[in-house]
Amino acid sequence: MRIALVGAGGMAGMHARCYDAIPDAELVGVMDTSQEAAITLAKLHNAAPFTDFDDMLTQTKPDIVDVCCPTPWHVDYVCRAAERAGEWGLLGISTEKPMGRSIQDCERMITACNSAGIPLFVAQVVRFFPEFALATQKVRSGELGTIASVRSRRGGPMPRAWQDWYGKPELSGGCILDLIIHDFDWLRWTFGPISRVYARGLAGKRLPAQDYALVTLRFESGVIGHVEGSWSDPSGFKVAFEICGDEGMLEYNVNQPATIPLKAAIATDEQSTSGVAVPESPTDNNPYQLELAHFIDCVKTGTTPSITPQDGLEAVRIALAAIESAETGNVITL
């Protein structure tokens, strides 16, 4: 499968490394608005660099287009690729999470890919982390009994990237849309539809180096969810969850070593200019490689990917409801 990659930032670099390790994949093109970034990443992976998207499509004729640029531009590249799919037989499109910056953007992408007759895959990678997949399996098996509540926590320092776009809520959606959408998707996958959302946080406060949110979810099943997201922790990326049922509790916590005496974490200049954290799995199986290999296999066999475009849209819907709640102080009903 010939892959054309949109973007040359941190996540695009991760995807490029994964394609090198997937036997059925060949990265043939890297497009970025920064010529230097496109050349640098393309050279590392024996691909051709581009600064124009249409030129990349025309010259490489890819089987799959993988969109890894900032969120607001997902819709443009996905739709443009879908519109040209018939010229050479484009087989599928993948886009990083969050799927889009608005519900309308997500709907446009779904319509464009449906019209082109090609699959659209939303890279909600947490489903491919073994610890999260195992937790979902245990919940569904009934091992924990009837679930009452679930808590999740994800975060680290404020990410920095192209023109500080993460620090501009109108572009990134802050940590609610860009970061804990991972948890919204996994929680919906595991516990079912969500009916109500209530949130508090720093959305819209325009703090240059911080963002934080605490989101409470009510599921249609009656489960209560608490989702915490932070771009205010200079000590490094952390992730945790706790699932409580009437037969037991399941807990997972990584990257939080205990220290005695207590030690304060102080942000450094180097941390304040770093890119978004890319969490790693404790196993040998790279979840990013697993998700991309899964999509490639689905394209080859004509099977439906495990994460559908509607899944991507619903995760965005939950995140946007949380942003609205944080800004208005209201409970949002889905």
C-alpha atoms as a PDB file:
ATOM      1  CA  MET A   1       0.000   0.000   0.000  1.00  0.00           C
ATOM      2  CA  ARG A   2       1.430   3.366  -1.088  1.00  0.00           C
ATOM      3  CA  ILE A   3       0.942   5.971   1.640  1.00  0.00           C
ATOM      4  CA  ALA A   4       0.870   9.763   1.193  1.00  0.00           C
ATOM      5  CA  LEU A   5       1.278  11.605   4.496  1.00  0.00           C
ATOM      6  CA  VAL A   6      -0.099  15.084   5.212  1.00  0.00           C
ATOM      7  CA  GLY A   7       1.957  16.837   7.878  1.00  0.00           C
ATOM      8  CA  ALA A   8       5.531  16.551   9.123  1.00  0.00           C
ATOM      9  CA  GLY A   9       5.132  17.203  12.852  1.00  0.00           C
ATOM     10  CA  GLY A  10       5.474  14.869  15.812  1.00  0.00           C
ATOM     11  CA  MET A  11       2.493  12.621  15.099  1.00  0.00           C
ATOM     12  CA  ALA A  12       3.312  12.470  11.386  1.00  0.00           C
ATOM     13  CA  GLY A  13       6.807  11.364  12.356  1.00  0.00           C
ATOM     14  CA  MET A  14       5.359   8.591  14.509  1.00  0.00           C
ATOM     15  CA  HIS A  15       3.168   7.405  11.626  1.00  0.00           C
ATOM     16  CA  ALA A  16       6.121   7.476   9.225  1.00  0.00           C
ATOM     17  CA  ARG A  17       8.164   5.251  11.548  1.00  0.00           C
ATOM     18  CA  CYS A  18       5.232   2.861  11.838  1.00  0.00           C
ATOM     19  CA  TYR A  19       4.905   2.551   8.064  1.00  0.00           C
ATOM     20  CA  ASP A  20       8.593   1.605   7.882  1.00  0.00           C
ATOM     21  CA  ALA A  21       7.802  -1.327  10.184  1.00  0.00           C
ATOM     22  CA  ILE A  22       4.637  -2.498   8.392  1.00  0.00           C
ATOM     23  CA  PRO A  23       5.511  -4.995   5.611  1.00  0.00           C
ATOM     24  CA  ASP A  24       2.489  -4.028   3.490  1.00  0.00           C
ATOM     25  CA  ALA A  25       3.171  -0.272   3.588  1.00  0.00           C
ATOM     26  CA  GLU A  26       5.423   2.114   1.688  1.00  0.00           C
ATOM     27  CA  LEU A  27       5.567   5.822   2.480  1.00  0.00           C
ATOM     28  CA  VAL A  28       5.818   7.525  -0.923  1.00  0.00           C
ATOM     29  CA  GLY A  29       5.118  11.181  -0.124  1.00  0.00           C
ATOM     30  CA  VAL A  30       5.231  13.703   2.729  1.00  0.00           C
ATOM     31  CA  MET A  31       3.470  17.035   2.339  1.00  0.00           C
ATOM     32  CA  ASP A  32       3.837  19.988   4.711  1.00  0.00           C
ATOM     33  CA  THR A  33       3.443  23.737   4.277  1.00  0.00           C
ATOM     34  CA  SER A  34       6.991  23.996   5.646  1.00  0.00           C
ATOM     35  CA  GLN A  35       9.327  22.870   2.905  1.00  0.00           C
ATOM     36  CA  GLU A  36      12.126  22.253   5.397  1.00  0.00           C
ATOM     37  CA  ALA A  37       9.914  20.019   7.559  1.00  0.00           C
ATOM     38  CA  ALA A  38       8.640  18.065   4.545  1.00  0.00           C
ATOM     39  CA  ILE A  39      12.170  17.497   3.221  1.00  0.00           C
ATOM     40  CA  THR A  40      13.520  16.451   6.617  1.00  0.00           C
ATOM     41  CA  LEU A  41      10.825  13.848   7.315  1.00  0.00           C
ATOM     42  CA  ALA A  42      10.670  12.568   3.742  1.00  0.00           C
ATOM     43  CA  LYS A  43      14.439  12.070   3.620  1.00  0.00           C
ATOM     44  CA  LEU A  44      14.358   9.955   6.777  1.00  0.00           C
ATOM     45  CA  HIS A  45      11.890   7.557   5.164  1.00  0.00           C
ATOM     46  CA  ASN A  46      12.938   7.535   1.494  1.00  0.00           C
ATOM     47  CA  ALA A  47       9.808   9.411   0.429  1.00  0.00           C
ATOM     48  CA  ALA A  48       9.287  12.426  -1.825  1.00  0.00           C
ATOM     49  CA  PRO A  49       8.728  15.822  -0.155  1.00  0.00           C
ATOM     50  CA  PHE A  50       5.953  18.203  -1.206  1.00  0.00           C
ATOM     51  CA  THR A  51       4.518  21.549  -0.152  1.00  0.00           C
ATOM     52  CA  ASP A  52       1.429  21.256  -2.369  1.00  0.00           C
ATOM     53  CA  PHE A  53      -1.193  18.621  -1.603  1.00  0.00           C
ATOM     54  CA  ASP A  54      -2.551  18.250  -5.123  1.00  0.00           C
ATOM     55  CA  ASP A  55       0.967  17.856  -6.507  1.00  0.00           C
ATOM     56  CA  MET A  56       1.602  15.037  -4.048  1.00  0.00           C
ATOM     57  CA  LEU A  57      -1.583  13.231  -5.084  1.00  0.00           C
ATOM     58  CA  THR A  58      -0.858  13.680  -8.804  1.00  0.00           C
ATOM     59  CA  GLN A  59       2.737  12.501  -8.613  1.00  0.00           C
ATOM     60  CA  THR A  60       2.487   9.679  -6.058  1.00  0.00           C
ATOM     61  CA  LYS A  61      -1.021   8.301  -6.793  1.00  0.00           C
ATOM     62  CA  PRO A  62      -1.287   6.821  -3.289  1.00  0.00           C
ATOM     63  CA  ASP A  63      -3.472   3.948  -2.160  1.00  0.00           C
ATOM     64  CA  ILE A  64      -4.004   5.641   1.226  1.00  0.00           C
ATOM     65  CA  VAL A  65      -3.858   9.283   2.311  1.00  0.00           C
ATOM     66  CA  ASP A  66      -2.967   9.770   5.991  1.00  0.00           C
ATOM     67  CA  VAL A  67      -3.848  13.205   7.414  1.00  0.00           C
ATOM     68  CA  CYS A  68      -1.709  14.275  10.402  1.00  0.00           C
ATOM     69  CA  CYS A  69      -1.916  18.067  10.237  1.00  0.00           C
ATOM     70  CA  PRO A  70      -3.550  20.391  12.843  1.00  0.00           C
ATOM     71  CA  THR A  71      -7.226  19.639  13.473  1.00  0.00           C
ATOM     72  CA  PRO A  72      -8.959  22.515  11.626  1.00  0.00           C
ATOM     73  CA  TRP A  73      -7.452  21.416   8.295  1.00  0.00           C
ATOM     74  CA  HIS A  74      -8.421  17.728   8.477  1.00  0.00           C
ATOM     75  CA  VAL A  75     -11.675  18.421   6.655  1.00  0.00           C
ATOM     76  CA  ASP A  76      -9.984  20.164   3.725  1.00  0.00           C
ATOM     77  CA  TYR A  77      -7.424  17.446   3.016  1.00  0.00           C
ATOM     78  CA  VAL A  78      -9.842  14.555   3.570  1.00  0.00           C
ATOM     79  CA  CYS A  79     -12.480  16.045   1.260  1.00  0.00           C
ATOM     80  CA  ARG A  80      -9.975  17.019  -1.435  1.00  0.00           C
ATOM     81  CA  ALA A  81      -8.500  13.531  -1.429  1.00  0.00           C
ATOM     82  CA  ALA A  82     -11.957  11.936  -1.582  1.00  0.00           C
ATOM     83  CA  GLU A  83     -13.000  14.162  -4.476  1.00  0.00           C
ATOM     84  CA  ARG A  84      -9.994  12.968  -6.509  1.00  0.00           C
ATOM     85  CA  ALA A  85     -10.217   9.309  -5.454  1.00  0.00           C
ATOM     86  CA  GLY A  86     -11.530   8.130  -8.804  1.00  0.00           C
ATOM     87  CA  GLU A  87      -8.618   9.558 -10.825  1.00  0.00           C
ATOM     88  CA  TRP A  88      -6.248   6.708  -9.931  1.00  0.00           C
ATOM     89  CA  GLY A  89      -8.230   4.525  -7.517  1.00  0.00           C
ATOM     90  CA  LEU A  90      -7.520   5.871  -4.029  1.00  0.00           C
ATOM     91  CA  LEU A  91      -8.483   3.087  -1.622  1.00  0.00           C
ATOM     92  CA  GLY A  92      -8.833   4.797   1.751  1.00  0.00           C
ATOM     93  CA  ILE A  93      -8.191   7.824   3.970  1.00  0.00           C
ATOM     94  CA  SER A  94      -6.991   7.960   7.572  1.00  0.00           C
ATOM     95  CA  THR A  95      -7.127  11.049   9.761  1.00  0.00           C
ATOM     96  CA  GLU A  96      -5.695  11.726  13.177  1.00  0.00           C
ATOM     97  CA  LYS A  97      -7.934  12.504  16.109  1.00  0.00           C
ATOM     98  CA  PRO A  98      -9.824  14.658  16.759  1.00  0.00           C
ATOM     99  CA  MET A  99     -11.672  13.930  13.541  1.00  0.00           C
ATOM    100  CA  GLY A 100     -12.606  17.593  13.027  1.00  0.00           C
ATOM    101  CA  ARG A 101     -12.999  20.953  14.737  1.00  0.00           C
ATOM    102  CA  SER A 102     -16.797  20.907  14.368  1.00  0.00           C
ATOM    103  CA  ILE A 103     -19.656  18.486  13.818  1.00  0.00           C
ATOM    104  CA  GLN A 104     -20.162  20.030  10.389  1.00  0.00           C
ATOM    105  CA  ASP A 105     -16.537  19.285   9.448  1.00  0.00           C
ATOM    106  CA  CYS A 106     -16.975  15.659  10.494  1.00  0.00           C
ATOM    107  CA  GLU A 107     -20.190  15.338   8.522  1.00  0.00           C
ATOM    108  CA  ARG A 108     -18.531  16.796   5.419  1.00  0.00           C
ATOM    109  CA  MET A 109     -15.756  14.215   5.628  1.00  0.00           C
ATOM    110  CA  ILE A 110     -18.211  11.358   6.039  1.00  0.00           C
ATOM    111  CA  THR A 111     -20.284  12.539   3.082  1.00  0.00           C
ATOM    112  CA  ALA A 112     -17.221  12.999   0.868  1.00  0.00           C
ATOM    113  CA  CYS A 113     -15.833   9.534   1.589  1.00  0.00           C
ATOM    114  CA  ASN A 114     -19.241   7.872   1.244  1.00  0.00           C
ATOM    115  CA  SER A 115     -19.686   9.567  -2.129  1.00  0.00           C
ATOM    116  CA  ALA A 116     -16.260   8.355  -3.216  1.00  0.00           C
ATOM    117  CA  GLY A 117     -16.992   4.848  -1.954  1.00  0.00           C
ATOM    118  CA  ILE A 118     -13.841   4.674   0.178  1.00  0.00           C
ATOM    119  CA  PRO A 119     -13.362   3.999   3.918  1.00  0.00           C
ATOM    120  CA  LEU A 120     -12.453   6.776   6.354  1.00  0.00           C
ATOM    121  CA  PHE A 121     -10.536   5.722   9.458  1.00  0.00           C
ATOM    122  CA  VAL A 122     -10.234   7.940  12.561  1.00  0.00           C
ATOM    123  CA  ALA A 123      -7.041   7.150  14.479  1.00  0.00           C
ATOM    124  CA  GLN A 124      -8.374   6.904  18.045  1.00  0.00           C
ATOM    125  CA  VAL A 125      -5.285   4.989  19.124  1.00  0.00           C
ATOM    126  CA  VAL A 126      -6.222   4.350  22.775  1.00  0.00           C
ATOM    127  CA  ARG A 127      -8.394   1.418  21.659  1.00  0.00           C
ATOM    128  CA  PHE A 128      -5.168  -0.248  20.485  1.00  0.00           C
ATOM    129  CA  PHE A 129      -3.317   0.187  23.794  1.00  0.00           C
ATOM    130  CA  PRO A 130      -3.434  -3.295  25.375  1.00  0.00           C
ATOM    131  CA  GLU A 131      -4.199  -2.043  28.883  1.00  0.00           C
ATOM    132  CA  PHE A 132      -7.265  -0.151  27.654  1.00  0.00           C
ATOM    133  CA  ALA A 133      -8.395  -3.005  25.395  1.00  0.00           C
ATOM    134  CA  LEU A 134      -8.062  -5.447  28.306  1.00  0.00           C
ATOM    135  CA  ALA A 135     -10.095  -3.166  30.589  1.00  0.00           C
ATOM    136  CA  THR A 136     -12.868  -3.015  27.982  1.00  0.00           C
ATOM    137  CA  GLN A 137     -12.792  -6.813  27.715  1.00  0.00           C
ATOM    138  CA  LYS A 138     -13.114  -7.205  31.507  1.00  0.00           C
ATOM    139  CA  VAL A 139     -16.036  -4.776  31.656  1.00  0.00           C
ATOM    140  CA  ARG A 140     -17.877  -6.543  28.836  1.00  0.00           C
ATOM    141  CA  SER A 141     -17.232  -9.986  30.356  1.00  0.00           C
ATOM    142  CA  GLY A 142     -19.005  -8.952  33.562  1.00  0.00           C
ATOM    143  CA  GLU A 143     -15.938  -9.685  35.675  1.00  0.00           C
ATOM    144  CA  LEU A 144     -16.401  -6.415  37.594  1.00  0.00           C
ATOM    145  CA  GLY A 145     -20.149  -6.854  37.918  1.00  0.00           C
ATOM    146  CA  THR A 146     -22.461  -3.900  37.370  1.00  0.00           C
ATOM    147  CA  ILE A 147     -20.355  -0.792  36.777  1.00  0.00           C
ATOM    148  CA  ALA A 148     -21.114   2.251  38.913  1.00  0.00           C
ATOM    149  CA  SER A 149     -18.367   4.690  37.994  1.00  0.00           C
ATOM    150  CA  VAL A 150     -15.230   5.191  35.967  1.00  0.00           C
ATOM    151  CA  ARG A 151     -12.460   7.758  36.335  1.00  0.00           C
ATOM    152  CA  SER A 152      -9.723   8.593  33.865  1.00  0.00           C
ATOM    153  CA  ARG A 153      -6.838  11.031  33.938  1.00  0.00           C
ATOM    154  CA  ARG A 154      -4.549  12.064  31.080  1.00  0.00           C
ATOM    155  CA  GLY A 155      -2.062  14.886  30.718  1.00  0.00           C
ATOM    156  CA  GLY A 156       1.320  16.482  30.977  1.00  0.00           C
ATOM    157  CA  PRO A 157       2.943  19.810  30.107  1.00  0.00           C
ATOM    158  CA  MET A 158       1.481  22.255  27.621  1.00  0.00           C
ATOM    159  CA  PRO A 159       2.465  21.105  24.107  1.00  0.00           C
ATOM    160  CA  ARG A 160       4.104  23.521  21.694  1.00  0.00           C
ATOM    161  CA  ALA A 161       4.105  23.176  17.931  1.00  0.00           C
ATOM    162  CA  TRP A 162       3.513  25.114  14.704  1.00  0.00           C
ATOM    163  CA  GLN A 163       2.624  28.726  15.592  1.00  0.00           C
ATOM    164  CA  ASP A 164       1.590  27.556  19.083  1.00  0.00           C
ATOM    165  CA  TRP A 165      -1.668  26.185  17.683  1.00  0.00           C
ATOM    166  CA  TYR A 166      -2.296  23.995  20.726  1.00  0.00           C
ATOM    167  CA  GLY A 167      -2.421  27.164  22.825  1.00  0.00           C
ATOM    168  CA  LYS A 168      -5.180  28.647  20.644  1.00  0.00           C
ATOM    169  CA  PRO A 169      -8.521  27.106  21.704  1.00  0.00           C
ATOM    170  CA  GLU A 170     -10.214  28.251  18.515  1.00  0.00           C
ATOM    171  CA  LEU A 171      -7.835  25.946  16.609  1.00  0.00           C
ATOM    172  CA  SER A 172      -7.078  23.035  18.950  1.00  0.00           C
ATOM    173  CA  GLY A 173     -10.139  23.041  21.187  1.00  0.00           C
ATOM    174  CA  GLY A 174      -7.745  22.950  24.131  1.00  0.00           C
ATOM    175  CA  CYS A 175      -7.070  19.827  26.154  1.00  0.00           C
ATOM    176  CA  ILE A 176     -10.764  18.866  26.056  1.00  0.00           C
ATOM    177  CA  LEU A 177     -10.894  18.344  22.293  1.00  0.00           C
ATOM    178  CA  ASP A 178      -7.283  17.503  21.537  1.00  0.00           C
ATOM    179  CA  LEU A 179      -6.287  15.433  24.573  1.00  0.00           C
ATOM    180  CA  ILE A 180      -9.141  13.800  26.458  1.00  0.00           C
ATOM    181  CA  ILE A 181     -11.086  13.014  23.298  1.00  0.00           C
ATOM    182  CA  HIS A 182      -9.013   9.817  23.603  1.00  0.00           C
ATOM    183  CA  ASP A 183     -10.901   9.039  26.813  1.00  0.00           C
ATOM    184  CA  PHE A 184     -14.284  10.087  25.453  1.00  0.00           C
ATOM    185  CA  ASP A 185     -13.913   7.626  22.571  1.00  0.00           C
ATOM    186  CA  TRP A 186     -12.661   4.783  24.781  1.00  0.00           C
ATOM    187  CA  LEU A 187     -15.363   5.371  27.406  1.00  0.00           C
ATOM    188  CA  ARG A 188     -18.139   5.445  24.806  1.00  0.00           C
ATOM    189  CA  TRP A 189     -16.719   2.258  23.220  1.00  0.00           C
ATOM    190  CA  THR A 190     -16.588   0.550  26.619  1.00  0.00           C
ATOM    191  CA  PHE A 191     -19.666   1.831  28.469  1.00  0.00           C
ATOM    192  CA  GLY A 192     -22.029   2.869  25.679  1.00  0.00           C
ATOM    193  CA  PRO A 193     -23.761   6.124  24.724  1.00  0.00           C
ATOM    194  CA  ILE A 194     -23.448   9.254  26.869  1.00  0.00           C
ATOM    195  CA  SER A 195     -26.552  11.271  27.699  1.00  0.00           C
ATOM    196  CA  ARG A 196     -25.295  14.283  29.677  1.00  0.00           C
ATOM    197  CA  VAL A 197     -22.061  16.250  29.998  1.00  0.00           C
ATOM    198  CA  TYR A 198     -20.927  18.744  32.635  1.00  0.00           C
ATOM    199  CA  ALA A 199     -17.481  20.343  32.690  1.00  0.00           C
ATOM    200  CA  ARG A 200     -15.273  22.886  34.409  1.00  0.00           C
ATOM    201  CA  GLY A 201     -11.888  24.059  33.244  1.00  0.00           C
ATOM    202  CA  LEU A 202      -9.682  26.737  31.798  1.00  0.00           C
ATOM    203  CA  ALA A 203     -11.253  26.769  28.327  1.00  0.00           C
ATOM    204  CA  GLY A 204     -11.307  30.307  26.999  1.00  0.00           C
ATOM    205  CA  LYS A 205      -9.131  31.690  29.817  1.00  0.00           C
ATOM    206  CA  ARG A 206      -6.259  32.168  27.348  1.00  0.00           C
ATOM    207  CA  LEU A 207      -3.537  31.159  29.795  1.00  0.00           C
ATOM    208  CA  PRO A 208      -0.450  30.941  27.585  1.00  0.00           C
ATOM    209  CA  ALA A 209       1.110  27.843  29.146  1.00  0.00           C
ATOM    210  CA  GLN A 210      -1.721  25.946  30.839  1.00  0.00           C
ATOM    211  CA  ASP A 211      -5.007  24.209  30.215  1.00  0.00           C
ATOM    212  CA  TYR A 212      -7.059  21.936  32.445  1.00  0.00           C
ATOM    213  CA  ALA A 213     -10.525  20.394  32.455  1.00  0.00           C
ATOM    214  CA  LEU A 214     -12.633  18.093  34.610  1.00  0.00           C
ATOM    215  CA  VAL A 215     -15.593  16.541  32.789  1.00  0.00           C
ATOM    216  CA  THR A 216     -18.443  14.574  34.356  1.00  0.00           C
ATOM    217  CA  LEU A 217     -20.369  12.199  32.091  1.00  0.00           C
ATOM    218  CA  ARG A 218     -23.653  10.392  32.629  1.00  0.00           C
ATOM    219  CA  PHE A 219     -24.030   7.310  30.452  1.00  0.00           C
ATOM    220  CA  GLU A 220     -27.394   6.007  29.316  1.00  0.00           C
ATOM    221  CA  SER A 221     -26.598   2.865  31.326  1.00  0.00           C
ATOM    222  CA  GLY A 222     -26.407   4.913  34.527  1.00  0.00           C
ATOM    223  CA  VAL A 223     -22.612   4.775  34.837  1.00  0.00           C
ATOM    224  CA  ILE A 224     -21.009   8.036  36.000  1.00  0.00           C
ATOM    225  CA  GLY A 225     -17.717   9.028  34.397  1.00  0.00           C
ATOM    226  CA  HIS A 226     -15.100  11.526  35.571  1.00  0.00           C
ATOM    227  CA  VAL A 227     -12.519  12.574  32.991  1.00  0.00           C
ATOM    228  CA  GLU A 228      -9.581  14.798  33.938  1.00  0.00           C
ATOM    229  CA  GLY A 229      -7.308  16.355  31.354  1.00  0.00           C
ATOM    230  CA  SER A 230      -4.282  18.520  32.024  1.00  0.00           C
ATOM    231  CA  TRP A 231      -1.799  20.546  30.056  1.00  0.00           C
ATOM    232  CA  SER A 232      -0.525  22.009  33.341  1.00  0.00           C
ATOM    233  CA  ASP A 233       1.771  19.247  34.600  1.00  0.00           C
ATOM    234  CA  PRO A 234       5.468  19.932  33.972  1.00  0.00           C
ATOM    235  CA  SER A 235       6.547  16.588  35.478  1.00  0.00           C
ATOM    236  CA  GLY A 236       5.702  14.624  32.324  1.00  0.00           C
ATOM    237  CA  PHE A 237       2.920  12.695  30.660  1.00  0.00           C
ATOM    238  CA  LYS A 238       0.663  10.577  32.885  1.00  0.00           C
ATOM    239  CA  VAL A 239      -2.371   8.413  32.270  1.00  0.00           C
ATOM    240  CA  ALA A 240      -4.610   6.510  34.667  1.00  0.00           C
ATOM    241  CA  PHE A 241      -8.049   4.987  34.987  1.00  0.00           C
ATOM    242  CA  GLU A 242     -10.205   3.373  37.667  1.00  0.00           C
ATOM    243  CA  ILE A 243     -13.334   1.316  36.989  1.00  0.00           C
ATOM    244  CA  CYS A 244     -15.619   0.451  39.914  1.00  0.00           C
ATOM    245  CA  GLY A 245     -18.265  -2.271  39.814  1.00  0.00           C
ATOM    246  CA  ASP A 246     -20.199  -4.146  42.461  1.00  0.00           C
ATOM    247  CA  GLU A 247     -17.904  -7.175  42.013  1.00  0.00           C
ATOM    248  CA  GLY A 248     -14.575  -5.383  42.007  1.00  0.00           C
ATOM    249  CA  MET A 249     -12.395  -2.471  40.924  1.00  0.00           C
ATOM    250  CA  LEU A 250      -9.889  -2.288  38.092  1.00  0.00           C
ATOM    251  CA  GLU A 251      -7.108   0.292  38.315  1.00  0.00           C
ATOM    252  CA  TYR A 252      -4.329   1.333  35.946  1.00  0.00           C
ATOM    253  CA  ASN A 253      -1.742   4.033  36.582  1.00  0.00           C
ATOM    254  CA  VAL A 254       1.418   4.693  34.589  1.00  0.00           C
ATOM    255  CA  ASN A 255       4.248   7.254  34.750  1.00  0.00           C
ATOM    256  CA  GLN A 256       3.544   8.317  38.324  1.00  0.00           C
ATOM    257  CA  PRO A 257       6.413   6.928  40.434  1.00  0.00           C
ATOM    258  CA  ALA A 258       6.146   7.554  44.158  1.00  0.00           C
ATOM    259  CA  THR A 259       8.834   9.808  45.620  1.00  0.00           C
ATOM    260  CA  ILE A 260       9.736  10.355  49.268  1.00  0.00           C
ATOM    261  CA  PRO A 261      10.174  13.079  50.270  1.00  0.00           C
ATOM    262  CA  LEU A 262       7.683  14.849  48.039  1.00  0.00           C
ATOM    263  CA  LYS A 263       9.336  16.506  45.072  1.00  0.00           C
ATOM    264  CA  ALA A 264       8.052  19.564  43.253  1.00  0.00           C
ATOM    265  CA  ALA A 265       8.050  19.500  39.450  1.00  0.00           C
ATOM    266  CA  ILE A 266       9.141  22.786  37.916  1.00  0.00           C
ATOM    267  CA  ALA A 267       8.677  23.602  34.249  1.00  0.00           C
ATOM    268  CA  THR A 268      11.799  24.332  32.223  1.00  0.00           C
ATOM    269  CA  ASP A 269      12.266  26.398  29.089  1.00  0.00           C
ATOM    270  CA  GLU A 270      12.930  23.192  27.149  1.00  0.00           C
ATOM    271  CA  GLN A 271       9.619  21.688  28.258  1.00  0.00           C
ATOM    272  CA  SER A 272       7.656  24.806  27.375  1.00  0.00           C
ATOM    273  CA  THR A 273       8.707  24.540  23.749  1.00  0.00           C
ATOM    274  CA  SER A 274       8.309  20.785  23.291  1.00  0.00           C
ATOM    275  CA  GLY A 275       5.721  19.164  21.031  1.00  0.00           C
ATOM    276  CA  VAL A 276       2.671  17.219  22.079  1.00  0.00           C
ATOM    277  CA  ALA A 277       3.389  14.147  24.193  1.00  0.00           C
ATOM    278  CA  VAL A 278       3.105  10.846  22.322  1.00  0.00           C
ATOM    279  CA  PRO A 279       2.411   8.190  24.976  1.00  0.00           C
ATOM    280  CA  GLU A 280       4.130   4.827  24.711  1.00  0.00           C
ATOM    281  CA  SER A 281       2.773   1.396  25.541  1.00  0.00           C
ATOM    282  CA  PRO A 282       4.641  -0.733  28.110  1.00  0.00           C
ATOM    283  CA  THR A 283       4.465  -3.686  25.684  1.00  0.00           C
ATOM    284  CA  ASP A 284       6.575  -4.361  22.586  1.00  0.00           C
ATOM    285  CA  ASN A 285       3.581  -3.824  20.315  1.00  0.00           C
ATOM    286  CA  ASN A 286       3.417  -0.199  19.197  1.00  0.00           C
ATOM    287  CA  PRO A 287      -0.292   0.792  19.362  1.00  0.00           C
ATOM    288  CA  TYR A 288       0.199   3.358  16.588  1.00  0.00           C
ATOM    289  CA  GLN A 289       1.626   0.660  14.349  1.00  0.00           C
ATOM    290  CA  LEU A 290      -1.229  -1.679  15.308  1.00  0.00           C
ATOM    291  CA  GLU A 291      -3.907   0.853  14.362  1.00  0.00           C
ATOM    292  CA  LEU A 292      -2.307   1.727  11.018  1.00  0.00           C
ATOM    293  CA  ALA A 293      -1.697  -1.935  10.170  1.00  0.00           C
ATOM    294  CA  HIS A 294      -5.334  -2.620  11.056  1.00  0.00           C
ATOM    295  CA  PHE A 295      -6.549   0.017   8.605  1.00  0.00           C
ATOM    296  CA  ILE A 296      -4.232  -1.209   5.858  1.00  0.00           C
ATOM    297  CA  ASP A 297      -5.524  -4.738   6.379  1.00  0.00           C
ATOM    298  CA  CYS A 298      -9.130  -3.502   6.219  1.00  0.00           C
ATOM    299  CA  VAL A 299      -8.410  -1.684   2.960  1.00  0.00           C
ATOM    300  CA  LYS A 300      -6.793  -4.805   1.470  1.00  0.00           C
ATOM    301  CA  THR A 301      -9.584  -7.157   2.522  1.00  0.00           C
ATOM    302  CA  GLY A 302     -12.522  -4.801   2.074  1.00  0.00           C
ATOM    303  CA  THR A 303     -13.600  -5.122   5.701  1.00  0.00           C
ATOM    304  CA  THR A 304     -14.963  -2.317   7.888  1.00  0.00           C
ATOM    305  CA  PRO A 305     -12.415  -0.738  10.262  1.00  0.00           C
ATOM    306  CA  SER A 306     -13.072  -1.190  13.983  1.00  0.00           C
ATOM    307  CA  ILE A 307     -13.303   2.596  14.405  1.00  0.00           C
ATOM    308  CA  THR A 308     -15.939   4.080  12.124  1.00  0.00           C
ATOM    309  CA  PRO A 309     -16.327   7.683  10.967  1.00  0.00           C
ATOM    310  CA  GLN A 310     -19.440   7.882  13.164  1.00  0.00           C
ATOM    311  CA  ASP A 311     -17.307   6.906  16.171  1.00  0.00           C
ATOM    312  CA  GLY A 312     -14.979   9.784  15.341  1.00  0.00           C
ATOM    313  CA  LEU A 313     -17.900  12.188  15.026  1.00  0.00           C
ATOM    314  CA  GLU A 314     -19.479  11.102  18.322  1.00  0.00           C
ATOM    315  CA  ALA A 315     -16.207  11.611  20.199  1.00  0.00           C
ATOM    316  CA  VAL A 316     -16.057  15.151  18.804  1.00  0.00           C
ATOM    317  CA  ARG A 317     -19.683  15.683  19.813  1.00  0.00           C
ATOM    318  CA  ILE A 318     -18.887  14.763  23.434  1.00  0.00           C
ATOM    319  CA  ALA A 319     -15.815  17.018  23.493  1.00  0.00           C
ATOM    320  CA  LEU A 320     -17.671  19.999  22.032  1.00  0.00           C
ATOM    321  CA  ALA A 321     -20.458  19.502  24.591  1.00  0.00           C
ATOM    322  CA  ALA A 322     -17.827  19.553  27.347  1.00  0.00           C
ATOM    323  CA  ILE A 323     -16.332  22.772  25.954  1.00  0.00           C
ATOM    324  CA  GLU A 324     -19.799  24.341  25.819  1.00  0.00           C
ATOM    325  CA  SER A 325     -20.501  23.276  29.393  1.00  0.00           C
ATOM    326  CA  ALA A 326     -17.179  24.658  30.648  1.00  0.00           C
ATOM    327  CA  GLU A 327     -17.853  27.983  28.935  1.00  0.00           C
ATOM    328  CA  THR A 328     -21.511  28.349  29.978  1.00  0.00           C
ATOM    329  CA  GLY A 329     -21.710  26.484  33.275  1.00  0.00           C
ATOM    330  CA  ASN A 330     -24.648  24.470  31.945  1.00  0.00           C
ATOM    331  CA  VAL A 331     -25.278  20.753  31.772  1.00  0.00           C
ATOM    332  CA  ILE A 332     -25.360  19.729  28.100  1.00  0.00           C
ATOM    333  CA  THR A 333     -27.746  16.991  27.025  1.00  0.00           C
ATOM    334  CA  LEU A 334     -26.688  14.912  24.025  1.00  0.00           C
END
